[in-house]
Amino acid sequence: MRAIESCRPACVDYLIKAGAKVQAQNKNGQNCLDVARVYTDFRIVEMVKAKLDSLPKPKENKRGQSFKPPPKVRPATSTTDKDAAVKKEPLKESIIFQNTQITSGAVNKIDISFVPRTVWGQQVTTSELIRRKEERRGRLSSEVDFEDFMMPFLKNVTKKSKELQGPEDQ
């Protein structure tokens, strides 16, 4: 029943072929077919229904009645005819139903690629980006035309070293 609840048709098919009991019931008294209908995966419902149909019918006893286990007592719930009709028909807005439709290919595939409404400008090429970067490097480099230019750090180090040497070397 966990394979049915996880909506994995391949797992359900494997388990049915391996001999899993499709007439088994859970704590709520639901068999595999009931669980498959609740989860609205039609492929699984068809597999379980086919397996149930292929099983031999229960043998009749001496009186001509087939053996039925005593019905389990279920708590009373207020279900109306509308609720029963809704449960039998698949919900079109159900996520599980939509997932089944998408994986089976029944839904038209929609192109979800992003297309901008407005093109804001011409796209810059790679060569143009490289050229701009080289221009910025040229403007911001420390290569200067005058001879007495010193980088600020080098200028401070030179000034401090002259102060430490004292007045005799000047």
Protein backbone atom coordinates (compact mmCIF):
# COMPACT_ATOMS: atom_id res chain seq x y z
CA MET A 1 0.00 0.00 0.00
CA ARG A 2 2.95 2.33 0.53
CA ALA A 3 3.92 1.92 -3.13
CA ILE A 4 0.37 2.89 -4.12
CA GLU A 5 0.46 5.90 -1.78
CA SER A 6 3.77 7.04 -3.26
CA CYS A 7 2.23 6.87 -6.78
CA ARG A 8 5.02 4.71 -8.19
CA PRO A 9 3.50 2.52 -10.93
CA ALA A 10 6.76 0.67 -11.54
CA CYS A 11 7.00 -0.33 -7.87
CA VAL A 12 3.35 -1.38 -7.75
CA ASP A 13 3.77 -3.47 -10.91
CA TYR A 14 6.90 -5.13 -9.50
CA LEU A 15 5.19 -5.93 -6.20
CA ILE A 16 2.09 -7.34 -7.91
CA LYS A 17 4.27 -9.56 -10.12
CA ALA A 18 6.24 -10.63 -7.03
CA GLY A 19 3.01 -11.88 -5.46
CA ALA A 20 1.88 -9.07 -3.17
CA LYS A 21 -1.66 -9.50 -1.85
CA VAL A 22 -3.90 -6.89 -3.44
CA GLN A 23 -6.87 -7.89 -1.29
CA ALA A 24 -4.99 -6.90 1.90
CA GLN A 25 -6.65 -4.27 4.06
CA ASN A 26 -5.21 -1.50 6.20
CA LYS A 27 -6.39 -0.43 9.69
CA ASN A 28 -9.20 1.61 8.15
CA GLY A 29 -10.55 -1.40 6.26
CA GLN A 30 -9.45 -0.11 2.85
CA ASN A 31 -8.01 -2.53 0.35
CA CYS A 32 -5.39 -1.67 -2.28
CA LEU A 33 -8.00 -0.63 -4.83
CA ASP A 34 -9.60 1.81 -2.38
CA VAL A 35 -6.22 3.35 -1.58
CA ALA A 36 -5.39 3.66 -5.29
CA ARG A 37 -8.69 5.44 -5.93
CA VAL A 38 -8.01 7.87 -3.07
CA TYR A 39 -4.63 8.79 -4.55
CA THR A 40 -6.17 9.18 -8.07
CA ASP A 41 -3.42 7.51 -10.07
CA PHE A 42 -5.35 5.82 -12.87
CA ARG A 43 -2.46 3.63 -14.01
CA ILE A 44 -2.19 2.10 -10.55
CA VAL A 45 -5.97 1.74 -10.25
CA GLU A 46 -6.03 -0.19 -13.52
CA MET A 47 -3.13 -2.46 -12.44
CA VAL A 48 -4.75 -3.28 -9.10
CA LYS A 49 -8.18 -3.78 -10.68
CA ALA A 50 -6.71 -6.14 -13.30
CA LYS A 51 -5.00 -8.18 -10.57
CA LEU A 52 -8.19 -8.35 -8.49
CA ASP A 53 -10.16 -9.49 -11.56
CA SER A 54 -7.60 -12.19 -12.33
CA LEU A 55 -7.81 -13.69 -8.82
CA PRO A 56 -10.07 -16.74 -8.35
CA LYS A 57 -13.47 -16.08 -6.82
CA PRO A 58 -13.96 -17.13 -3.18
CA LYS A 59 -15.23 -20.72 -2.83
CA GLU A 60 -18.80 -21.34 -1.79
CA ASN A 61 -19.61 -23.34 1.31
CA LYS A 62 -22.17 -26.19 1.60
CA ARG A 63 -25.15 -23.86 1.78
CA GLY A 64 -24.28 -22.09 -1.48
CA GLN A 65 -23.07 -18.89 0.11
CA SER A 66 -19.58 -17.61 -0.37
CA PHE A 67 -17.51 -17.05 2.75
CA LYS A 68 -17.33 -13.44 3.77
CA PRO A 69 -15.46 -12.26 6.81
CA PRO A 70 -17.60 -10.35 9.30
CA PRO A 71 -17.71 -6.66 8.41
CA LYS A 72 -15.58 -4.38 10.52
CA VAL A 73 -17.34 -1.70 12.47
CA ARG A 74 -16.46 1.71 11.13
CA PRO A 75 -17.03 4.94 13.02
CA ALA A 76 -20.04 6.84 11.79
CA THR A 77 -19.14 9.75 9.55
CA SER A 78 -21.40 12.21 7.88
CA THR A 79 -20.85 11.51 4.20
CA THR A 80 -23.40 12.75 1.77
CA ASP A 81 -24.07 11.60 -1.76
CA LYS A 82 -22.13 14.59 -3.07
CA ASP A 83 -19.01 13.56 -1.14
CA ALA A 84 -19.25 10.01 -2.49
CA ALA A 85 -19.62 11.31 -6.05
CA VAL A 86 -16.64 13.63 -5.60
CA LYS A 87 -14.45 10.81 -4.28
CA LYS A 88 -15.30 8.55 -7.22
CA GLU A 89 -14.46 11.13 -9.86
CA PRO A 90 -10.85 12.33 -10.01
CA LEU A 91 -10.20 15.87 -8.95
CA LYS A 92 -8.82 17.82 -11.89
CA GLU A 93 -7.01 20.24 -9.58
CA SER A 94 -5.40 17.42 -7.57
CA ILE A 95 -1.61 17.61 -7.56
CA ILE A 96 -1.30 13.86 -7.75
CA PHE A 97 -3.66 13.77 -10.74
CA GLN A 98 -1.68 16.50 -12.49
CA ASN A 99 1.59 14.67 -11.74
CA THR A 100 0.17 11.51 -13.27
CA GLN A 101 -0.91 13.40 -16.36
CA ILE A 102 2.48 15.08 -16.78
CA THR A 103 4.52 11.89 -16.32
CA SER A 104 2.33 9.95 -18.72
CA GLY A 105 2.68 12.69 -21.36
CA ALA A 106 -1.07 13.32 -21.55
CA VAL A 107 -0.71 17.04 -20.88
CA ASN A 108 0.51 19.39 -23.57
CA LYS A 109 3.97 20.52 -22.70
CA ILE A 110 4.22 24.26 -22.26
CA ASP A 111 7.38 26.16 -23.06
CA ILE A 112 8.34 27.89 -19.81
CA SER A 113 11.50 29.60 -21.03
CA PHE A 114 11.83 33.26 -20.04
CA VAL A 115 11.37 35.81 -22.80
CA PRO A 116 11.80 39.42 -21.68
CA ARG A 117 9.13 41.85 -22.84
CA THR A 118 11.56 44.69 -23.44
CA VAL A 119 15.12 44.66 -24.69
CA TRP A 120 16.80 47.47 -22.78
CA GLY A 121 19.83 47.85 -24.96
CA GLN A 122 22.31 46.20 -27.23
CA GLN A 123 24.11 43.30 -25.59
CA VAL A 124 27.81 43.92 -25.01
CA THR A 125 30.19 41.46 -26.66
CA THR A 126 33.08 39.82 -24.87
CA SER A 127 35.68 41.72 -26.86
CA GLU A 128 33.99 45.01 -25.90
CA LEU A 129 34.05 44.04 -22.20
CA ILE A 130 37.77 43.20 -22.42
CA ARG A 131 38.49 46.50 -24.18
CA ARG A 132 36.65 48.46 -21.45
CA LYS A 133 38.57 46.63 -18.72
CA GLU A 134 41.90 47.45 -20.39
CA GLU A 135 40.92 51.12 -20.61
CA ARG A 136 40.11 51.21 -16.88
CA ARG A 137 43.44 49.59 -16.05
CA GLY A 138 45.24 52.19 -18.15
CA ARG A 139 43.46 55.07 -16.41
CA LEU A 140 43.93 53.73 -12.89
CA SER A 141 47.50 52.45 -13.19
CA SER A 142 50.40 54.01 -11.30
CA GLU A 143 52.40 54.78 -14.40
CA VAL A 144 52.73 58.55 -14.43
CA ASP A 145 54.63 60.79 -16.83
CA PHE A 146 56.54 62.92 -14.28
CA GLU A 147 59.83 61.72 -12.77
CA ASP A 148 59.51 62.63 -9.08
CA PHE A 149 56.28 60.69 -8.59
CA MET A 150 56.38 58.05 -5.87
CA MET A 151 53.65 55.69 -4.78
CA PRO A 152 52.16 56.80 -1.40
CA PHE A 153 53.44 53.77 0.53
CA LEU A 154 56.94 54.02 -0.93
CA LYS A 155 56.93 57.77 -0.23
CA ASN A 156 56.05 57.21 3.46
CA VAL A 157 58.68 54.48 3.85
CA THR A 158 61.34 56.69 2.34
CA LYS A 159 60.34 59.61 4.56
CA LYS A 160 60.43 57.47 7.73
CA SER A 161 63.78 55.92 6.84
CA LYS A 162 65.30 59.41 6.35
CA GLU A 163 63.95 60.51 9.73
CA LEU A 164 65.44 57.47 11.44
CA GLN A 165 68.85 57.95 9.83
CA GLY A 166 69.16 61.34 11.32
CA PRO A 167 70.39 64.75 10.15
CA GLU A 168 73.96 63.66 9.31
CA ASP A 169 73.06 61.82 6.06
CA GLN A 170 70.98 64.62 4.63
